[in-house]
Amino acid sequence: MMTNRLMDRTGCPDHLWVEATNYVVMLLNILAHKNLKWRSPTEVGLEYTPDASHFLVFSFFEKILYMDPDHRGFPHSKEKPGRWLGPTQACDDVMTF
């Protein structure tokens, strides 16, 4: 249900439903819940307070520019248009998406 609302509100195409579901699950795992005494599931299960700041930088399916490392450079830009589908789970560097 939450995934459908997210996709409808952002205009995300249907074939990205897995990415939208993954985004919702990651968000629900770091948000505090009343039933957990205002702690997040991650905090209860793994005993550390998760960092939610990366969800505040971009919105799901927001237009972004990313750097194409294979581009040769001048006179053309290394920036390519894309969409933000959530924070990466493969890298822990600050501000790496």
PDB file of N, CA and C in Angstrom:
ATOM      1  N   MET A   1       0.818  -1.188   0.000  1.00  0.00           N
ATOM      2  CA  MET A   1       0.000   0.000   0.000  1.00  0.00           C
ATOM      3  C   MET A   1       0.869   1.262   0.000  1.00  0.00           C
ATOM      4  N   MET A   2       1.879   1.310   0.874  1.00  0.00           N
ATOM      5  CA  MET A   2       2.753   2.483   0.928  1.00  0.00           C
ATOM      6  C   MET A   2       3.546   2.624  -0.368  1.00  0.00           C
ATOM      7  N   THR A   3       3.954   1.483  -0.936  1.00  0.00           N
ATOM      8  CA  THR A   3       4.719   1.518  -2.174  1.00  0.00           C
ATOM      9  C   THR A   3       3.869   2.086  -3.308  1.00  0.00           C
ATOM     10  N   ASN A   4       2.605   1.691  -3.376  1.00  0.00           N
ATOM     11  CA  ASN A   4       1.711   2.215  -4.417  1.00  0.00           C
ATOM     12  C   ASN A   4       1.559   3.724  -4.303  1.00  0.00           C
ATOM     13  N   ARG A   5       1.383   4.222  -3.073  1.00  0.00           N
ATOM     14  CA  ARG A   5       1.249   5.664  -2.869  1.00  0.00           C
ATOM     15  C   ARG A   5       2.526   6.399  -3.265  1.00  0.00           C
ATOM     16  N   LEU A   6       3.667   5.833  -2.899  1.00  0.00           N
ATOM     17  CA  LEU A   6       4.953   6.452  -3.245  1.00  0.00           C
ATOM     18  C   LEU A   6       5.111   6.536  -4.755  1.00  0.00           C
ATOM     19  N   MET A   7       4.801   5.451  -5.442  1.00  0.00           N
ATOM     20  CA  MET A   7       4.954   5.421  -6.895  1.00  0.00           C
ATOM     21  C   MET A   7       3.969   6.373  -7.570  1.00  0.00           C
ATOM     22  N   ASP A   8       2.742   6.424  -7.093  1.00  0.00           N
ATOM     23  CA  ASP A   8       1.748   7.336  -7.664  1.00  0.00           C
ATOM     24  C   ASP A   8       2.147   8.793  -7.458  1.00  0.00           C
ATOM     25  N   ARG A   9       2.611   9.121  -6.260  1.00  0.00           N
ATOM     26  CA  ARG A   9       2.951  10.506  -5.922  1.00  0.00           C
ATOM     27  C   ARG A   9       4.175  11.001  -6.686  1.00  0.00           C
ATOM     28  N   THR A  10       5.125  10.112  -6.956  1.00  0.00           N
ATOM     29  CA  THR A  10       6.367  10.535  -7.605  1.00  0.00           C
ATOM     30  C   THR A  10       6.358  10.359  -9.118  1.00  0.00           C
ATOM     31  N   GLY A  11       5.384   9.618  -9.639  1.00  0.00           N
ATOM     32  CA  GLY A  11       5.347   9.352 -11.077  1.00  0.00           C
ATOM     33  C   GLY A  11       6.318   8.263 -11.494  1.00  0.00           C
ATOM     34  N   CYS A  12       6.724   7.434 -10.565  1.00  0.00           N
ATOM     35  CA  CYS A  12       7.653   6.337 -10.822  1.00  0.00           C
ATOM     36  C   CYS A  12       6.985   5.293 -11.729  1.00  0.00           C
ATOM     37  N   PRO A  13       7.657   4.826 -12.774  1.00  0.00           N
ATOM     38  CA  PRO A  13       7.062   3.813 -13.654  1.00  0.00           C
ATOM     39  C   PRO A  13       6.895   2.460 -12.939  1.00  0.00           C
ATOM     40  N   ASP A  14       5.934   1.685 -13.408  1.00  0.00           N
ATOM     41  CA  ASP A  14       5.590   0.407 -12.774  1.00  0.00           C
ATOM     42  C   ASP A  14       6.747  -0.579 -12.716  1.00  0.00           C
ATOM     43  N   HIS A  15       7.643  -0.564 -13.689  1.00  0.00           N
ATOM     44  CA  HIS A  15       8.725  -1.555 -13.702  1.00  0.00           C
ATOM     45  C   HIS A  15       9.760  -1.320 -12.588  1.00  0.00           C
ATOM     46  N   LEU A  16       9.664  -0.208 -11.878  1.00  0.00           N
ATOM     47  CA  LEU A  16      10.584   0.054 -10.758  1.00  0.00           C
ATOM     48  C   LEU A  16       9.941  -0.239  -9.404  1.00  0.00           C
ATOM     49  N   TRP A  17       8.912  -1.094  -9.367  1.00  0.00           N
ATOM     50  CA  TRP A  17       8.216  -1.388  -8.118  1.00  0.00           C
ATOM     51  C   TRP A  17       9.140  -2.017  -7.083  1.00  0.00           C
ATOM     52  N   VAL A  18      10.124  -2.794  -7.519  1.00  0.00           N
ATOM     53  CA  VAL A  18      11.056  -3.416  -6.570  1.00  0.00           C
ATOM     54  C   VAL A  18      11.894  -2.348  -5.878  1.00  0.00           C
ATOM     55  N   GLU A  19      12.362  -1.366  -6.627  1.00  0.00           N
ATOM     56  CA  GLU A  19      13.153  -0.280  -6.048  1.00  0.00           C
ATOM     57  C   GLU A  19      12.319   0.545  -5.069  1.00  0.00           C
ATOM     58  N   ALA A  20      11.057   0.807  -5.421  1.00  0.00           N
ATOM     59  CA  ALA A  20      10.176   1.561  -4.529  1.00  0.00           C
ATOM     60  C   ALA A  20       9.911   0.784  -3.241  1.00  0.00           C
ATOM     61  N   THR A  21       9.704  -0.521  -3.358  1.00  0.00           N
ATOM     62  CA  THR A  21       9.476  -1.361  -2.175  1.00  0.00           C
ATOM     63  C   THR A  21      10.717  -1.381  -1.293  1.00  0.00           C
ATOM     64  N   ASN A  22      11.893  -1.496  -1.885  1.00  0.00           N
ATOM     65  CA  ASN A  22      13.145  -1.487  -1.136  1.00  0.00           C
ATOM     66  C   ASN A  22      13.319  -0.168  -0.388  1.00  0.00           C
ATOM     67  N   TYR A  23      12.978   0.940  -1.030  1.00  0.00           N
ATOM     68  CA  TYR A  23      13.065   2.264  -0.409  1.00  0.00           C
ATOM     69  C   TYR A  23      12.144   2.344   0.811  1.00  0.00           C
ATOM     70  N   VAL A  24      10.903   1.889   0.666  1.00  0.00           N
ATOM     71  CA  VAL A  24       9.939   1.924   1.774  1.00  0.00           C
ATOM     72  C   VAL A  24      10.422   1.058   2.930  1.00  0.00           C
ATOM     73  N   VAL A  25      10.940  -0.122   2.643  1.00  0.00           N
ATOM     74  CA  VAL A  25      11.433  -1.018   3.694  1.00  0.00           C
ATOM     75  C   VAL A  25      12.615  -0.389   4.427  1.00  0.00           C
ATOM     76  N   MET A  26      13.563   0.198   3.683  1.00  0.00           N
ATOM     77  CA  MET A  26      14.707   0.857   4.336  1.00  0.00           C
ATOM     78  C   MET A  26      14.232   1.989   5.238  1.00  0.00           C
ATOM     79  N   LEU A  27      13.259   2.750   4.769  1.00  0.00           N
ATOM     80  CA  LEU A  27      12.734   3.872   5.550  1.00  0.00           C
ATOM     81  C   LEU A  27      12.013   3.389   6.809  1.00  0.00           C
ATOM     82  N   LEU A  28      11.180   2.369   6.678  1.00  0.00           N
ATOM     83  CA  LEU A  28      10.455   1.844   7.840  1.00  0.00           C
ATOM     84  C   LEU A  28      11.396   1.248   8.887  1.00  0.00           C
ATOM     85  N   ASN A  29      12.535   0.726   8.448  1.00  0.00           N
ATOM     86  CA  ASN A  29      13.488   0.140   9.389  1.00  0.00           C
ATOM     87  C   ASN A  29      14.259   1.175  10.206  1.00  0.00           C
ATOM     88  N   ILE A  30      14.271   2.434   9.771  1.00  0.00           N
ATOM     89  CA  ILE A  30      15.011   3.454  10.524  1.00  0.00           C
ATOM     90  C   ILE A  30      14.104   4.455  11.227  1.00  0.00           C
ATOM     91  N   LEU A  31      12.791   4.371  10.989  1.00  0.00           N
ATOM     92  CA  LEU A  31      11.851   5.279  11.651  1.00  0.00           C
ATOM     93  C   LEU A  31      11.413   4.726  13.005  1.00  0.00           C
ATOM     94  N   ALA A  32      11.262   5.618  13.972  1.00  0.00           N
ATOM     95  CA  ALA A  32      10.821   5.216  15.312  1.00  0.00           C
ATOM     96  C   ALA A  32       9.350   4.810  15.287  1.00  0.00           C
ATOM     97  N   HIS A  33       9.019   3.817  16.111  1.00  0.00           N
ATOM     98  CA  HIS A  33       7.643   3.317  16.213  1.00  0.00           C
ATOM     99  C   HIS A  33       7.168   3.402  17.657  1.00  0.00           C
ATOM    100  N   LYS A  34       5.920   3.769  17.832  1.00  0.00           N
ATOM    101  CA  LYS A  34       5.338   3.882  19.164  1.00  0.00           C
ATOM    102  C   LYS A  34       5.396   2.542  19.903  1.00  0.00           C
ATOM    103  N   ASN A  35       5.104   1.436  19.184  1.00  0.00           N
ATOM    104  CA  ASN A  35       5.100   0.105  19.808  1.00  0.00           C
ATOM    105  C   ASN A  35       6.483  -0.337  20.286  1.00  0.00           C
ATOM    106  N   LEU A  36       7.514   0.301  19.798  1.00  0.00           N
ATOM    107  CA  LEU A  36       8.890  -0.028  20.213  1.00  0.00           C
ATOM    108  C   LEU A  36       9.441   1.038  21.157  1.00  0.00           C
ATOM    109  N   LYS A  37       8.538   1.730  21.846  1.00  0.00           N
ATOM    110  CA  LYS A  37       8.913   2.795  22.785  1.00  0.00           C
ATOM    111  C   LYS A  37       9.710   3.890  22.079  1.00  0.00           C
ATOM    112  N   TRP A  38       9.228   4.254  20.894  1.00  0.00           N
ATOM    113  CA  TRP A  38       9.825   5.302  20.067  1.00  0.00           C
ATOM    114  C   TRP A  38      11.275   5.014  19.690  1.00  0.00           C
ATOM    115  N   ARG A  39      11.533   3.754  19.436  1.00  0.00           N
ATOM    116  CA  ARG A  39      12.828   3.334  18.891  1.00  0.00           C
ATOM    117  C   ARG A  39      12.568   2.735  17.513  1.00  0.00           C
ATOM    118  N   SER A  40      13.586   2.670  16.695  1.00  0.00           N
ATOM    119  CA  SER A  40      13.435   2.093  15.355  1.00  0.00           C
ATOM    120  C   SER A  40      13.676   0.582  15.414  1.00  0.00           C
ATOM    121  N   PRO A  41      13.148  -0.174  14.444  1.00  0.00           N
ATOM    122  CA  PRO A  41      13.437  -1.607  14.400  1.00  0.00           C
ATOM    123  C   PRO A  41      14.936  -1.906  14.325  1.00  0.00           C
ATOM    124  N   THR A  42      15.680  -1.070  13.597  1.00  0.00           N
ATOM    125  CA  THR A  42      17.128  -1.266  13.513  1.00  0.00           C
ATOM    126  C   THR A  42      17.777  -1.072  14.884  1.00  0.00           C
ATOM    127  N   GLU A  43      17.340  -0.060  15.600  1.00  0.00           N
ATOM    128  CA  GLU A  43      17.894   0.212  16.929  1.00  0.00           C
ATOM    129  C   GLU A  43      17.592  -0.928  17.898  1.00  0.00           C
ATOM    130  N   VAL A  44      16.385  -1.468  17.834  1.00  0.00           N
ATOM    131  CA  VAL A  44      16.003  -2.568  18.723  1.00  0.00           C
ATOM    132  C   VAL A  44      16.746  -3.851  18.354  1.00  0.00           C
ATOM    133  N   GLY A  45      16.787  -4.154  17.068  1.00  0.00           N
ATOM    134  CA  GLY A  45      17.381  -5.414  16.621  1.00  0.00           C
ATOM    135  C   GLY A  45      18.889  -5.435  16.601  1.00  0.00           C
ATOM    136  N   LEU A  46      19.507  -4.345  16.185  1.00  0.00           N
ATOM    137  CA  LEU A  46      20.961  -4.309  16.033  1.00  0.00           C
ATOM    138  C   LEU A  46      21.661  -3.472  17.083  1.00  0.00           C
ATOM    139  N   GLU A  47      20.888  -2.839  17.950  1.00  0.00           N
ATOM    140  CA  GLU A  47      21.396  -2.068  19.082  1.00  0.00           C
ATOM    141  C   GLU A  47      22.293  -0.895  18.687  1.00  0.00           C
ATOM    142  N   TYR A  48      21.953  -0.214  17.606  1.00  0.00           N
ATOM    143  CA  TYR A  48      22.596   1.058  17.280  1.00  0.00           C
ATOM    144  C   TYR A  48      21.561   1.959  16.623  1.00  0.00           C
ATOM    145  N   THR A  49      21.733   3.249  16.777  1.00  0.00           N
ATOM    146  CA  THR A  49      20.796   4.207  16.204  1.00  0.00           C
ATOM    147  C   THR A  49      21.186   4.459  14.744  1.00  0.00           C
ATOM    148  N   PRO A  50      20.279   4.166  13.803  1.00  0.00           N
ATOM    149  CA  PRO A  50      20.613   4.338  12.386  1.00  0.00           C
ATOM    150  C   PRO A  50      20.648   5.812  11.987  1.00  0.00           C
ATOM    151  N   ASP A  51      21.398   6.101  10.950  1.00  0.00           N
ATOM    152  CA  ASP A  51      21.511   7.452  10.412  1.00  0.00           C
ATOM    153  C   ASP A  51      20.477   7.629   9.310  1.00  0.00           C
ATOM    154  N   ALA A  52      19.556   8.565   9.482  1.00  0.00           N
ATOM    155  CA  ALA A  52      18.494   8.806   8.504  1.00  0.00           C
ATOM    156  C   ALA A  52      18.788   9.995   7.599  1.00  0.00           C
ATOM    157  N   SER A  53      19.946  10.614   7.741  1.00  0.00           N
ATOM    158  CA  SER A  53      20.233  11.854   7.018  1.00  0.00           C
ATOM    159  C   SER A  53      20.241  11.675   5.504  1.00  0.00           C
ATOM    160  N   HIS A  54      20.626  10.506   5.011  1.00  0.00           N
ATOM    161  CA  HIS A  54      20.677  10.324   3.564  1.00  0.00           C
ATOM    162  C   HIS A  54      19.288  10.326   2.925  1.00  0.00           C
ATOM    163  N   PHE A  55      18.237  10.104   3.717  1.00  0.00           N
ATOM    164  CA  PHE A  55      16.874  10.183   3.194  1.00  0.00           C
ATOM    165  C   PHE A  55      16.376  11.628   3.115  1.00  0.00           C
ATOM    166  N   LEU A  56      17.109  12.557   3.708  1.00  0.00           N
ATOM    167  CA  LEU A  56      16.701  13.954   3.717  1.00  0.00           C
ATOM    168  C   LEU A  56      17.292  14.761   2.563  1.00  0.00           C
ATOM    169  N   VAL A  57      18.264  14.210   1.874  1.00  0.00           N
ATOM    170  CA  VAL A  57      18.948  14.929   0.808  1.00  0.00           C
ATOM    171  C   VAL A  57      18.129  14.926  -0.490  1.00  0.00           C
ATOM    172  N   PHE A  58      17.590  13.764  -0.854  1.00  0.00           N
ATOM    173  CA  PHE A  58      16.796  13.616  -2.075  1.00  0.00           C
ATOM    174  C   PHE A  58      15.480  12.930  -1.761  1.00  0.00           C
ATOM    175  N   SER A  59      14.508  13.119  -2.629  1.00  0.00           N
ATOM    176  CA  SER A  59      13.236  12.399  -2.555  1.00  0.00           C
ATOM    177  C   SER A  59      13.291  11.234  -3.532  1.00  0.00           C
ATOM    178  N   PHE A  60      12.500  10.208  -3.279  1.00  0.00           N
ATOM    179  CA  PHE A  60      12.472   9.056  -4.173  1.00  0.00           C
ATOM    180  C   PHE A  60      12.077   9.486  -5.584  1.00  0.00           C
ATOM    181  N   PHE A  61      12.803   9.019  -6.572  1.00  0.00           N
ATOM    182  CA  PHE A  61      12.591   9.255  -8.000  1.00  0.00           C
ATOM    183  C   PHE A  61      12.802  10.721  -8.396  1.00  0.00           C
ATOM    184  N   GLU A  62      13.536  11.465  -7.571  1.00  0.00           N
ATOM    185  CA  GLU A  62      13.868  12.856  -7.892  1.00  0.00           C
ATOM    186  C   GLU A  62      14.897  12.891  -9.013  1.00  0.00           C
ATOM    187  N   LYS A  63      14.793  13.892  -9.885  1.00  0.00           N
ATOM    188  CA  LYS A  63      15.769  14.062 -10.958  1.00  0.00           C
ATOM    189  C   LYS A  63      17.109  14.469 -10.357  1.00  0.00           C
ATOM    190  N   ILE A  64      18.176  13.827 -10.843  1.00  0.00           N
ATOM    191  CA  ILE A  64      19.532  14.106 -10.360  1.00  0.00           C
ATOM    192  C   ILE A  64      20.498  14.138 -11.541  1.00  0.00           C
ATOM    193  N   LEU A  65      21.712  14.565 -11.265  1.00  0.00           N
ATOM    194  CA  LEU A  65      22.823  14.437 -12.200  1.00  0.00           C
ATOM    195  C   LEU A  65      23.879  13.572 -11.538  1.00  0.00           C
ATOM    196  N   TYR A  66      24.432  12.627 -12.278  1.00  0.00           N
ATOM    197  CA  TYR A  66      25.499  11.788 -11.735  1.00  0.00           C
ATOM    198  C   TYR A  66      26.701  11.862 -12.667  1.00  0.00           C
ATOM    199  N   MET A  67      27.863  11.513 -12.151  1.00  0.00           N
ATOM    200  CA  MET A  67      29.084  11.594 -12.943  1.00  0.00           C
ATOM    201  C   MET A  67      29.334  10.273 -13.667  1.00  0.00           C
ATOM    202  N   ASP A  68      29.565  10.360 -14.951  1.00  0.00           N
ATOM    203  CA  ASP A  68      29.923   9.192 -15.756  1.00  0.00           C
ATOM    204  C   ASP A  68      31.447   9.074 -15.757  1.00  0.00           C
ATOM    205  N   PRO A  69      32.005   8.110 -15.017  1.00  0.00           N
ATOM    206  CA  PRO A  69      33.471   8.020 -14.915  1.00  0.00           C
ATOM    207  C   PRO A  69      34.143   7.601 -16.223  1.00  0.00           C
ATOM    208  N   ASP A  70      33.408   7.023 -17.168  1.00  0.00           N
ATOM    209  CA  ASP A  70      33.993   6.577 -18.428  1.00  0.00           C
ATOM    210  C   ASP A  70      34.014   7.670 -19.491  1.00  0.00           C
ATOM    211  N   HIS A  71      33.381   8.811 -19.207  1.00  0.00           N
ATOM    212  CA  HIS A  71      33.328   9.899 -20.179  1.00  0.00           C
ATOM    213  C   HIS A  71      34.701  10.549 -20.313  1.00  0.00           C
ATOM    214  N   ARG A  72      35.065  10.898 -21.519  1.00  0.00           N
ATOM    215  CA  ARG A  72      36.393  11.446 -21.800  1.00  0.00           C
ATOM    216  C   ARG A  72      36.567  12.904 -21.381  1.00  0.00           C
ATOM    217  N   GLY A  73      35.475  13.625 -21.147  1.00  0.00           N
ATOM    218  CA  GLY A  73      35.613  15.001 -20.679  1.00  0.00           C
ATOM    219  C   GLY A  73      35.383  16.052 -21.743  1.00  0.00           C
ATOM    220  N   PHE A  74      36.138  17.123 -21.634  1.00  0.00           N
ATOM    221  CA  PHE A  74      35.966  18.311 -22.463  1.00  0.00           C
ATOM    222  C   PHE A  74      35.851  17.937 -23.926  1.00  0.00           C
ATOM    223  N   PRO A  75      34.972  18.529 -24.674  1.00  0.00           N
ATOM    224  CA  PRO A  75      34.114  19.674 -24.379  1.00  0.00           C
ATOM    225  C   PRO A  75      32.754  19.272 -23.819  1.00  0.00           C
ATOM    226  N   HIS A  76      32.513  18.010 -23.607  1.00  0.00           N
ATOM    227  CA  HIS A  76      31.222  17.556 -23.102  1.00  0.00           C
ATOM    228  C   HIS A  76      31.302  17.294 -21.600  1.00  0.00           C
ATOM    229  N   SER A  77      30.182  17.477 -20.929  1.00  0.00           N
ATOM    230  CA  SER A  77      30.125  17.304 -19.481  1.00  0.00           C
ATOM    231  C   SER A  77      30.161  15.823 -19.097  1.00  0.00           C
ATOM    232  N   LYS A  78      30.765  15.536 -17.948  1.00  0.00           N
ATOM    233  CA  LYS A  78      30.754  14.177 -17.405  1.00  0.00           C
ATOM    234  C   LYS A  78      29.439  13.880 -16.693  1.00  0.00           C
ATOM    235  N   GLU A  79      28.589  14.903 -16.511  1.00  0.00           N
ATOM    236  CA  GLU A  79      27.322  14.720 -15.809  1.00  0.00           C
ATOM    237  C   GLU A  79      26.280  14.111 -16.725  1.00  0.00           C
ATOM    238  N   LYS A  80      25.540  13.156 -16.184  1.00  0.00           N
ATOM    239  CA  LYS A  80      24.459  12.496 -16.907  1.00  0.00           C
ATOM    240  C   LYS A  80      23.182  12.615 -16.078  1.00  0.00           C
ATOM    241  N   PRO A  81      22.021  12.760 -16.732  1.00  0.00           N
ATOM    242  CA  PRO A  81      20.764  12.831 -15.987  1.00  0.00           C
ATOM    243  C   PRO A  81      20.343  11.450 -15.496  1.00  0.00           C
ATOM    244  N   GLY A  82      19.692  11.416 -14.344  1.00  0.00           N
ATOM    245  CA  GLY A  82      19.201  10.167 -13.786  1.00  0.00           C
ATOM    246  C   GLY A  82      18.115  10.427 -12.757  1.00  0.00           C
ATOM    247  N   ARG A  83      17.724   9.392 -12.055  1.00  0.00           N
ATOM    248  CA  ARG A  83      16.721   9.482 -10.990  1.00  0.00           C
ATOM    249  C   ARG A  83      17.278   8.832  -9.731  1.00  0.00           C
ATOM    250  N   TRP A  84      16.962   9.399  -8.561  1.00  0.00           N
ATOM    251  CA  TRP A  84      17.424   8.863  -7.279  1.00  0.00           C
ATOM    252  C   TRP A  84      16.444   7.807  -6.797  1.00  0.00           C
ATOM    253  N   LEU A  85      16.926   6.589  -6.558  1.00  0.00           N
ATOM    254  CA  LEU A  85      16.081   5.484  -6.120  1.00  0.00           C
ATOM    255  C   LEU A  85      16.354   5.069  -4.682  1.00  0.00           C
ATOM    256  N   GLY A  86      17.182   5.810  -3.986  1.00  0.00           N
ATOM    257  CA  GLY A  86      17.468   5.523  -2.591  1.00  0.00           C
ATOM    258  C   GLY A  86      18.958   5.414  -2.343  1.00  0.00           C
ATOM    259  N   PRO A  87      19.338   5.382  -1.073  1.00  0.00           N
ATOM    260  CA  PRO A  87      20.762   5.287  -0.732  1.00  0.00           C
ATOM    261  C   PRO A  87      21.313   3.909  -1.074  1.00  0.00           C
ATOM    262  N   THR A  88      22.600   3.872  -1.348  1.00  0.00           N
ATOM    263  CA  THR A  88      23.239   2.602  -1.645  1.00  0.00           C
ATOM    264  C   THR A  88      23.417   1.794  -0.366  1.00  0.00           C
ATOM    265  N   GLN A  89      23.380   0.498  -0.510  1.00  0.00           N
ATOM    266  CA  GLN A  89      23.637  -0.389   0.634  1.00  0.00           C
ATOM    267  C   GLN A  89      25.007  -1.029   0.518  1.00  0.00           C
ATOM    268  N   ALA A  90      25.704  -0.736  -0.581  1.00  0.00           N
ATOM    269  CA  ALA A  90      26.990  -1.375  -0.850  1.00  0.00           C
ATOM    270  C   ALA A  90      28.189  -0.537  -0.406  1.00  0.00           C
ATOM    271  N   CYS A  91      27.956   0.716   0.007  1.00  0.00           N
ATOM    272  CA  CYS A  91      29.057   1.613   0.338  1.00  0.00           C
ATOM    273  C   CYS A  91      28.647   2.466   1.542  1.00  0.00           C
ATOM    274  N   ASP A  92      29.541   2.639   2.494  1.00  0.00           N
ATOM    275  CA  ASP A  92      29.236   3.404   3.690  1.00  0.00           C
ATOM    276  C   ASP A  92      29.855   4.793   3.714  1.00  0.00           C
ATOM    277  N   ASP A  93      30.404   5.244   2.589  1.00  0.00           N
ATOM    278  CA  ASP A  93      30.989   6.578   2.563  1.00  0.00           C
ATOM    279  C   ASP A  93      29.924   7.650   2.721  1.00  0.00           C
ATOM    280  N   VAL A  94      30.257   8.716   3.430  1.00  0.00           N
ATOM    281  CA  VAL A  94      29.327   9.818   3.642  1.00  0.00           C
ATOM    282  C   VAL A  94      29.007  10.457   2.287  1.00  0.00           C
ATOM    283  N   MET A  95      27.760  10.760   2.080  1.00  0.00           N
ATOM    284  CA  MET A  95      27.259  11.415   0.867  1.00  0.00           C
ATOM    285  C   MET A  95      27.461  10.584  -0.399  1.00  0.00           C
ATOM    286  N   THR A  96      27.548   9.265  -0.278  1.00  0.00           N
ATOM    287  CA  THR A  96      27.621   8.383  -1.435  1.00  0.00           C
ATOM    288  C   THR A  96      26.260   7.754  -1.621  1.00  0.00           C
ATOM    289  N   PHE A  97      25.702   7.964  -2.778  1.00  0.00           N
ATOM    290  CA  PHE A  97      24.371   7.437  -3.048  1.00  0.00           C
ATOM    291  C   PHE A  97      24.432   6.476  -4.206  1.00  0.00           C
TER     292      PHE A  97
END
